[in-house]
Amino acid sequence: MTRYQEILKRAFDVVVSGLAILPAAPVIAACALAARRDTGASGIFSQQRVGRGGRLFTVYKIRTMRAVGGPTVTTAGDARITPLGAKMRRWKLDELPQLWNVLKGDMSLVGPRPDVPGFADRLTGEERDMLRLRPGITGPATLKYRDEETLLAGQADPERYNAEAVWPDKVAINLAYMNDWSLGRDIALIWRTVAGS
């Protein structure tokens, strides 16, 4: 991406997240309250993730699990996910608080999903160029693996399959996205995310 493209992408993020966060606020508040009653813990979940340049930042989501810890990947039918949490995850309502991350500059609307510490350490060579991007709420890899939890649930060793097959494919997809970025493509990816296609 050129410097001009980076500025254009950031300007688009600020405008869209700024306009979206106010109407989304009542939905976020209602989901957080429901999640608090459902899980018995804070309705907003925060966690350290790897951001642009490999720097850590705090990501915010609606809590969908009764417990944290355990496997680093989540599969369909994971006992940690509550029934209400599963519905929120299906409709991506748990991602709405990340509009604040976008507005702050931690994230972008479109980009690689923010990984937990450890995965970025595996990037080598040109793969590390991906860290030039802000992580995104959605992106081409996110859409390809929309049913990732179901895919992983069908594997004998979900964590190994994620590390050896899914994650490397996501890296390749995200590098291709970065090297062929356009504002029109970001808009199309956002539309596909909202439309569920």
C-alpha atoms as a PDB file:
ATOM      1  CA  MET A   1       0.000   0.000   0.000  1.00  0.00           C
ATOM      2  CA  THR A   2       1.175   3.512  -0.785  1.00  0.00           C
ATOM      3  CA  ARG A   3       1.146   6.286   1.801  1.00  0.00           C
ATOM      4  CA  TYR A   4      -1.813   7.865   0.010  1.00  0.00           C
ATOM      5  CA  GLN A   5      -3.742   4.581   0.191  1.00  0.00           C
ATOM      6  CA  GLU A   6      -2.981   4.267   3.915  1.00  0.00           C
ATOM      7  CA  ILE A   7      -4.320   7.794   4.526  1.00  0.00           C
ATOM      8  CA  LEU A   8      -7.427   7.106   2.422  1.00  0.00           C
ATOM      9  CA  LYS A   9      -8.101   3.832   4.229  1.00  0.00           C
ATOM     10  CA  ARG A  10      -7.728   5.478   7.638  1.00  0.00           C
ATOM     11  CA  ALA A  11      -9.980   8.391   6.680  1.00  0.00           C
ATOM     12  CA  PHE A  12     -12.646   5.939   5.513  1.00  0.00           C
ATOM     13  CA  ASP A  13     -12.353   4.006   8.802  1.00  0.00           C
ATOM     14  CA  VAL A  14     -12.759   7.159  10.900  1.00  0.00           C
ATOM     15  CA  VAL A  15     -15.793   8.417   8.980  1.00  0.00           C
ATOM     16  CA  VAL A  16     -17.646   5.086   8.856  1.00  0.00           C
ATOM     17  CA  SER A  17     -16.894   3.989  12.442  1.00  0.00           C
ATOM     18  CA  GLY A  18     -17.721   7.484  13.707  1.00  0.00           C
ATOM     19  CA  LEU A  19     -21.095   7.417  11.959  1.00  0.00           C
ATOM     20  CA  ALA A  20     -21.831   3.809  12.946  1.00  0.00           C
ATOM     21  CA  ILE A  21     -20.877   3.859  16.609  1.00  0.00           C
ATOM     22  CA  LEU A  22     -23.732   6.102  17.784  1.00  0.00           C
ATOM     23  CA  PRO A  23     -26.613   4.048  16.324  1.00  0.00           C
ATOM     24  CA  ALA A  24     -24.752   0.875  17.341  1.00  0.00           C
ATOM     25  CA  ALA A  25     -24.351   2.026  20.962  1.00  0.00           C
ATOM     26  CA  PRO A  26     -27.866   0.965  22.136  1.00  0.00           C
ATOM     27  CA  VAL A  27     -27.381  -2.447  20.496  1.00  0.00           C
ATOM     28  CA  ILE A  28     -23.974  -2.842  22.145  1.00  0.00           C
ATOM     29  CA  ALA A  29     -25.430  -1.838  25.532  1.00  0.00           C
ATOM     30  CA  ALA A  30     -28.350  -4.284  25.199  1.00  0.00           C
ATOM     31  CA  CYS A  31     -26.050  -7.125  24.119  1.00  0.00           C
ATOM     32  CA  ALA A  32     -23.598  -6.381  26.934  1.00  0.00           C
ATOM     33  CA  LEU A  33     -26.409  -6.418  29.515  1.00  0.00           C
ATOM     34  CA  ALA A  34     -27.776  -9.686  28.128  1.00  0.00           C
ATOM     35  CA  ALA A  35     -24.272 -11.188  28.079  1.00  0.00           C
ATOM     36  CA  ARG A  36     -23.680 -10.158  31.688  1.00  0.00           C
ATOM     37  CA  ARG A  37     -26.865 -11.914  32.805  1.00  0.00           C
ATOM     38  CA  ASP A  38     -26.070 -14.902  30.593  1.00  0.00           C
ATOM     39  CA  THR A  39     -22.448 -15.437  31.645  1.00  0.00           C
ATOM     40  CA  GLY A  40     -22.409 -14.018  35.174  1.00  0.00           C
ATOM     41  CA  ALA A  41     -19.427 -11.850  34.225  1.00  0.00           C
ATOM     42  CA  SER A  42     -18.845  -8.459  32.640  1.00  0.00           C
ATOM     43  CA  GLY A  43     -20.795  -8.166  29.389  1.00  0.00           C
ATOM     44  CA  ILE A  44     -17.769  -6.654  27.635  1.00  0.00           C
ATOM     45  CA  PHE A  45     -14.788  -8.932  27.108  1.00  0.00           C
ATOM     46  CA  SER A  46     -11.328  -7.415  26.626  1.00  0.00           C
ATOM     47  CA  GLN A  47      -8.137  -9.169  25.582  1.00  0.00           C
ATOM     48  CA  GLN A  48      -4.647  -8.321  24.403  1.00  0.00           C
ATOM     49  CA  ARG A  49      -4.169  -8.816  20.665  1.00  0.00           C
ATOM     50  CA  VAL A  50      -1.366  -8.111  18.218  1.00  0.00           C
ATOM     51  CA  GLY A  51      -1.874  -4.955  16.180  1.00  0.00           C
ATOM     52  CA  ARG A  52      -0.075  -2.887  13.589  1.00  0.00           C
ATOM     53  CA  GLY A  53       3.691  -3.132  13.820  1.00  0.00           C
ATOM     54  CA  GLY A  54       3.378  -6.078  16.206  1.00  0.00           C
ATOM     55  CA  ARG A  55       2.278  -3.802  19.055  1.00  0.00           C
ATOM     56  CA  LEU A  56      -0.233  -5.122  21.564  1.00  0.00           C
ATOM     57  CA  PHE A  57      -3.586  -3.432  22.036  1.00  0.00           C
ATOM     58  CA  THR A  58      -6.786  -4.205  23.923  1.00  0.00           C
ATOM     59  CA  VAL A  59      -9.636  -5.489  21.767  1.00  0.00           C
ATOM     60  CA  TYR A  60     -13.244  -5.241  22.958  1.00  0.00           C
ATOM     61  CA  LYS A  61     -16.008  -7.739  22.251  1.00  0.00           C
ATOM     62  CA  ILE A  62     -19.331  -8.802  23.713  1.00  0.00           C
ATOM     63  CA  ARG A  63     -18.699 -11.719  26.067  1.00  0.00           C
ATOM     64  CA  THR A  64     -20.015 -14.970  24.600  1.00  0.00           C
ATOM     65  CA  MET A  65     -18.288 -17.530  26.845  1.00  0.00           C
ATOM     66  CA  ARG A  66     -18.788 -18.513  30.471  1.00  0.00           C
ATOM     67  CA  ALA A  67     -15.087 -19.270  30.840  1.00  0.00           C
ATOM     68  CA  VAL A  68     -11.845 -18.173  29.260  1.00  0.00           C
ATOM     69  CA  GLY A  69      -8.668 -20.164  28.847  1.00  0.00           C
ATOM     70  CA  GLY A  70      -8.365 -23.631  27.416  1.00  0.00           C
ATOM     71  CA  PRO A  71      -7.795 -24.183  23.674  1.00  0.00           C
ATOM     72  CA  THR A  72      -6.550 -21.225  21.629  1.00  0.00           C
ATOM     73  CA  VAL A  73      -9.072 -22.000  18.891  1.00  0.00           C
ATOM     74  CA  THR A  74     -12.845 -22.073  19.187  1.00  0.00           C
ATOM     75  CA  THR A  75     -14.868 -24.793  17.523  1.00  0.00           C
ATOM     76  CA  ALA A  76     -18.578 -25.168  16.870  1.00  0.00           C
ATOM     77  CA  GLY A  77     -20.222 -26.674  19.916  1.00  0.00           C
ATOM     78  CA  ASP A  78     -17.458 -25.418  22.222  1.00  0.00           C
ATOM     79  CA  ALA A  79     -18.798 -25.938  25.744  1.00  0.00           C
ATOM     80  CA  ARG A  80     -17.437 -22.536  26.793  1.00  0.00           C
ATOM     81  CA  ILE A  81     -19.879 -20.702  24.487  1.00  0.00           C
ATOM     82  CA  THR A  82     -23.322 -19.998  25.915  1.00  0.00           C
ATOM     83  CA  PRO A  83     -26.454 -20.551  23.761  1.00  0.00           C
ATOM     84  CA  LEU A  84     -27.027 -16.784  23.648  1.00  0.00           C
ATOM     85  CA  GLY A  85     -23.347 -16.274  22.900  1.00  0.00           C
ATOM     86  CA  ALA A  86     -23.592 -18.667  19.951  1.00  0.00           C
ATOM     87  CA  LYS A  87     -26.412 -16.567  18.478  1.00  0.00           C
ATOM     88  CA  MET A  88     -24.448 -13.352  18.954  1.00  0.00           C
ATOM     89  CA  ARG A  89     -21.414 -14.903  17.273  1.00  0.00           C
ATOM     90  CA  ARG A  90     -23.552 -16.133  14.371  1.00  0.00           C
ATOM     91  CA  TRP A  91     -24.894 -12.627  13.779  1.00  0.00           C
ATOM     92  CA  LYS A  92     -21.474 -11.015  14.543  1.00  0.00           C
ATOM     93  CA  LEU A  93     -23.050  -8.855  17.262  1.00  0.00           C
ATOM     94  CA  ASP A  94     -20.117  -9.692  19.530  1.00  0.00           C
ATOM     95  CA  GLU A  95     -17.855  -7.732  17.157  1.00  0.00           C
ATOM     96  CA  LEU A  96     -19.710  -4.399  17.429  1.00  0.00           C
ATOM     97  CA  PRO A  97     -17.597  -2.956  20.298  1.00  0.00           C
ATOM     98  CA  GLN A  98     -14.618  -3.123  17.934  1.00  0.00           C
ATOM     99  CA  LEU A  99     -16.021  -0.021  16.220  1.00  0.00           C
ATOM    100  CA  TRP A 100     -14.400   1.788  19.163  1.00  0.00           C
ATOM    101  CA  ASN A 101     -11.095   0.068  18.366  1.00  0.00           C
ATOM    102  CA  VAL A 102     -11.417   1.304  14.784  1.00  0.00           C
ATOM    103  CA  LEU A 103     -12.189   4.859  15.842  1.00  0.00           C
ATOM    104  CA  LYS A 104      -9.187   4.846  18.208  1.00  0.00           C
ATOM    105  CA  GLY A 105      -6.882   3.633  15.451  1.00  0.00           C
ATOM    106  CA  ASP A 106      -6.115   0.195  16.905  1.00  0.00           C
ATOM    107  CA  MET A 107      -8.029  -1.509  14.107  1.00  0.00           C
ATOM    108  CA  SER A 108      -9.467  -0.993  10.647  1.00  0.00           C
ATOM    109  CA  LEU A 109     -12.896  -1.940   9.354  1.00  0.00           C
ATOM    110  CA  VAL A 110     -11.197  -4.313   6.898  1.00  0.00           C
ATOM    111  CA  GLY A 111      -7.981  -6.224   7.460  1.00  0.00           C
ATOM    112  CA  PRO A 112      -6.557  -9.387   9.024  1.00  0.00           C
ATOM    113  CA  ARG A 113      -8.278 -10.522  12.191  1.00  0.00           C
ATOM    114  CA  PRO A 114      -6.243  -9.544  15.281  1.00  0.00           C
ATOM    115  CA  ASP A 115      -4.407 -12.600  16.604  1.00  0.00           C
ATOM    116  CA  VAL A 116      -3.522 -13.422  20.177  1.00  0.00           C
ATOM    117  CA  PRO A 117       0.204 -13.088  20.998  1.00  0.00           C
ATOM    118  CA  GLY A 118       2.230 -15.980  19.621  1.00  0.00           C
ATOM    119  CA  PHE A 119       0.905 -16.265  16.085  1.00  0.00           C
ATOM    120  CA  ALA A 120       2.617 -13.104  14.807  1.00  0.00           C
ATOM    121  CA  ASP A 121       5.923 -14.551  16.026  1.00  0.00           C
ATOM    122  CA  ARG A 122       5.612 -17.231  13.352  1.00  0.00           C
ATOM    123  CA  LEU A 123       5.643 -14.713  10.505  1.00  0.00           C
ATOM    124  CA  THR A 124       8.878 -14.769   8.519  1.00  0.00           C
ATOM    125  CA  GLY A 125      10.266 -12.895   5.534  1.00  0.00           C
ATOM    126  CA  GLU A 126       7.686 -11.054   3.454  1.00  0.00           C
ATOM    127  CA  GLU A 127       4.923 -12.483   5.637  1.00  0.00           C
ATOM    128  CA  ARG A 128       5.895  -9.880   8.238  1.00  0.00           C
ATOM    129  CA  ASP A 129       4.726  -7.181   5.813  1.00  0.00           C
ATOM    130  CA  MET A 130       1.227  -8.102   6.993  1.00  0.00           C
ATOM    131  CA  LEU A 131       2.012  -6.328  10.273  1.00  0.00           C
ATOM    132  CA  ARG A 132       1.937  -3.050   8.341  1.00  0.00           C
ATOM    133  CA  LEU A 133      -1.842  -3.423   8.285  1.00  0.00           C
ATOM    134  CA  ARG A 134      -4.164  -2.569  11.126  1.00  0.00           C
ATOM    135  CA  PRO A 135      -6.158  -5.664  12.043  1.00  0.00           C
ATOM    136  CA  GLY A 136      -9.759  -5.559  10.842  1.00  0.00           C
ATOM    137  CA  ILE A 137     -13.263  -6.413  11.965  1.00  0.00           C
ATOM    138  CA  THR A 138     -13.759  -8.203   8.664  1.00  0.00           C
ATOM    139  CA  GLY A 139     -11.626  -9.058   5.653  1.00  0.00           C
ATOM    140  CA  PRO A 140     -11.202 -11.517   2.787  1.00  0.00           C
ATOM    141  CA  ALA A 141      -9.780 -14.240   5.036  1.00  0.00           C
ATOM    142  CA  THR A 142     -12.548 -13.675   7.595  1.00  0.00           C
ATOM    143  CA  LEU A 143     -15.174 -14.133   4.904  1.00  0.00           C
ATOM    144  CA  LYS A 144     -13.514 -17.231   3.435  1.00  0.00           C
ATOM    145  CA  TYR A 145     -13.432 -18.783   6.901  1.00  0.00           C
ATOM    146  CA  ARG A 146     -16.831 -17.510   8.006  1.00  0.00           C
ATOM    147  CA  ASP A 147     -17.637 -21.080   9.119  1.00  0.00           C
ATOM    148  CA  GLU A 148     -14.225 -21.654  10.656  1.00  0.00           C
ATOM    149  CA  GLU A 149     -15.612 -22.957  13.956  1.00  0.00           C
ATOM    150  CA  THR A 150     -17.554 -25.681  12.125  1.00  0.00           C
ATOM    151  CA  LEU A 151     -14.516 -26.510   9.969  1.00  0.00           C
ATOM    152  CA  LEU A 152     -12.279 -26.873  13.022  1.00  0.00           C
ATOM    153  CA  ALA A 153     -14.880 -28.938  14.870  1.00  0.00           C
ATOM    154  CA  GLY A 154     -14.571 -31.566  12.132  1.00  0.00           C
ATOM    155  CA  GLN A 155     -10.819 -31.997  12.646  1.00  0.00           C
ATOM    156  CA  ALA A 156      -9.205 -34.594  14.899  1.00  0.00           C
ATOM    157  CA  ASP A 157      -6.782 -31.950  16.198  1.00  0.00           C
ATOM    158  CA  PRO A 158      -8.355 -28.485  15.676  1.00  0.00           C
ATOM    159  CA  GLU A 159      -5.401 -26.527  17.065  1.00  0.00           C
ATOM    160  CA  ARG A 160      -2.890 -28.318  14.829  1.00  0.00           C
ATOM    161  CA  TYR A 161      -5.112 -27.969  11.753  1.00  0.00           C
ATOM    162  CA  ASN A 162      -5.525 -24.263  12.468  1.00  0.00           C
ATOM    163  CA  ALA A 163      -1.768 -23.763  12.859  1.00  0.00           C
ATOM    164  CA  GLU A 164      -0.735 -25.845   9.839  1.00  0.00           C
ATOM    165  CA  ALA A 165      -3.537 -25.207   7.332  1.00  0.00           C
ATOM    166  CA  VAL A 166      -5.949 -22.409   8.192  1.00  0.00           C
ATOM    167  CA  TRP A 167      -3.573 -19.803   9.581  1.00  0.00           C
ATOM    168  CA  PRO A 168      -0.987 -20.006   6.728  1.00  0.00           C
ATOM    169  CA  ASP A 169      -3.822 -19.690   4.200  1.00  0.00           C
ATOM    170  CA  LYS A 170      -5.113 -16.607   6.013  1.00  0.00           C
ATOM    171  CA  VAL A 171      -1.632 -15.074   5.887  1.00  0.00           C
ATOM    172  CA  ALA A 172      -1.462 -15.602   2.101  1.00  0.00           C
ATOM    173  CA  ILE A 173      -4.957 -14.139   1.621  1.00  0.00           C
ATOM    174  CA  ASN A 174      -4.173 -11.095   3.745  1.00  0.00           C
ATOM    175  CA  LEU A 175      -0.886 -10.420   1.941  1.00  0.00           C
ATOM    176  CA  ALA A 176      -2.707 -10.553  -1.400  1.00  0.00           C
ATOM    177  CA  TYR A 177      -5.323  -8.151   0.004  1.00  0.00           C
ATOM    178  CA  MET A 178      -2.636  -5.712   1.142  1.00  0.00           C
ATOM    179  CA  ASN A 179      -0.790  -5.819  -2.192  1.00  0.00           C
ATOM    180  CA  ASP A 180      -3.976  -5.257  -4.221  1.00  0.00           C
ATOM    181  CA  TRP A 181      -5.828  -2.859  -1.922  1.00  0.00           C
ATOM    182  CA  SER A 182      -8.546  -0.495  -3.108  1.00  0.00           C
ATOM    183  CA  LEU A 183     -11.237   1.469  -1.318  1.00  0.00           C
ATOM    184  CA  GLY A 184     -13.853  -0.115  -3.571  1.00  0.00           C
ATOM    185  CA  ARG A 185     -12.745  -3.566  -2.471  1.00  0.00           C
ATOM    186  CA  ASP A 186     -13.007  -2.576   1.202  1.00  0.00           C
ATOM    187  CA  ILE A 187     -16.549  -1.326   0.602  1.00  0.00           C
ATOM    188  CA  ALA A 188     -17.431  -4.580  -1.194  1.00  0.00           C
ATOM    189  CA  LEU A 189     -16.010  -6.676   1.674  1.00  0.00           C
ATOM    190  CA  ILE A 190     -17.985  -4.671   4.237  1.00  0.00           C
ATOM    191  CA  TRP A 191     -21.144  -5.115   2.169  1.00  0.00           C
ATOM    192  CA  ARG A 192     -20.569  -8.872   1.914  1.00  0.00           C
ATOM    193  CA  THR A 193     -20.068  -9.028   5.691  1.00  0.00           C
ATOM    194  CA  VAL A 194     -23.273  -7.108   6.443  1.00  0.00           C
ATOM    195  CA  ALA A 195     -25.236  -9.067   3.838  1.00  0.00           C
ATOM    196  CA  GLY A 196     -23.915 -12.379   5.184  1.00  0.00           C
ATOM    197  CA  SER A 197     -22.624 -13.525   1.796  1.00  0.00           C
END
